């Protein structure tokens, strides 16, 4: 994080807060405490919203939101109706802000969790590979035979492509050679014409004056024929020049295919060499290496389970309860709104529900990827020594994922209910479709109303 920029933003919020206090201090002495709290909270929230959310840092935002909550909670419960609605609107915003900070902290830990999941996948692949080669000491067919066969198939496919491309290349080269030969023939004809014209001109020197003009005219006509032949030849060569890069490109593609084919063979040779080297090692050393990987897997799973069942779930639960408080508070605004204001309030309330759903969807996604890794660890053969423990952790994570899924569904359904209650049925349907997309559910089949045409 840019600490200088964060400092400037925090300073800006502090200055705004000082201004707010000065304004509040200068208010009419007859102003009641509820109005003072509303003004103070409004200034603090406006100051905070004037900068990017993460630019001020979570500590500064938390302090501001917590101050707003302290100032406004008494107003929501004891102010007059107008004050209660205004306080509820701002209090809900502060509560949602605190919830969002917890969601951001959960997301930061989620990145760490996903790094562990990716590393676990790599360790699992390493374990499988080592066990395969341990088996290859007893059964040579268990080595890289399938990989070598796959490389051979890829090389055969590439050779077939190369044969087709070679055919196209050769046809292109023949066509260009034929055009060059055609141009050469035209140049040869033109050269013959020019020789003929020279002979005609030479004969003019022995003719009388009257015949000489006619002879020179004949020579000029022959020279024009030669010019035409040369122009036609030059046009052909120009066409050849334009098409020559196509041939060069085909040659380049063929060279690339040659390199790829050679690469397939080199890789196959490396696999055969590796198989041979692995078979020369003792089964005990290979199994010991696999055991080392299994130990590394167990340490990683322990770290992952601790992270997901500890700080990470704590932040998600705080985010969820924070959004729930913000939603509950905002219902006071909703219940006091009428007409167009009620539609706007419904959309704001739906926005809070969707923010809650977004945090819970991130939670669900993280649990799903963790479960996928654990399932792979449970299913791998030969079985890992800690398979039973991994199965238990998997069940725990599945239960947590189901909890997150339930909260997502509750959030979207709450958003849809708020919108429908305000007459925003189309928006409610959009929210329902978004819920199905997030949860990976299919749309229900259309209801048969019995009105189909017979």
Foldseek 3Di string as FASTA:
>chain_A
DPVVQLVVLLVQLVVLLVVQVVVLVPDDPVDDLLVSLLSNLVSNVVSCVVDPNPSNDPVSLLVSLVSNLVSLPVCLVDNPLVSNLSSLLSNLVSLLSNLVSLLVVLVVLLVVLVVLLVVLVVLLVVLVQLVLLLVCLVPVVSACVVVLVVLVVVLVVLVVVLVVLVVVLVVLVVVLVVLLVQLVVLLVQLVVLLVVLVVLLVVLVPDDPVVSVVSNVVSVVSNVSSVVSNVVSVVSVVVSVVCVVVSVVSVVVSVVSVVSSVVSVVVSVVRVVVSVVSSVDHSVVSVVVSVVSLVVSVVSLVVSLCSLVPSSVVSLVSSLVSLVVSLVSLVSNLVPDDDPSNLVSLQVSLVSLVVNLVSLLSSLVSLVSVLVSLVCQLPDPPHRPCNVVSVVSSVVSVVVSVVSLVSNVVSLVSSLVSNVVNVNNVVSVVSVVVNCVSVVHDDDDDDCPVPDDD
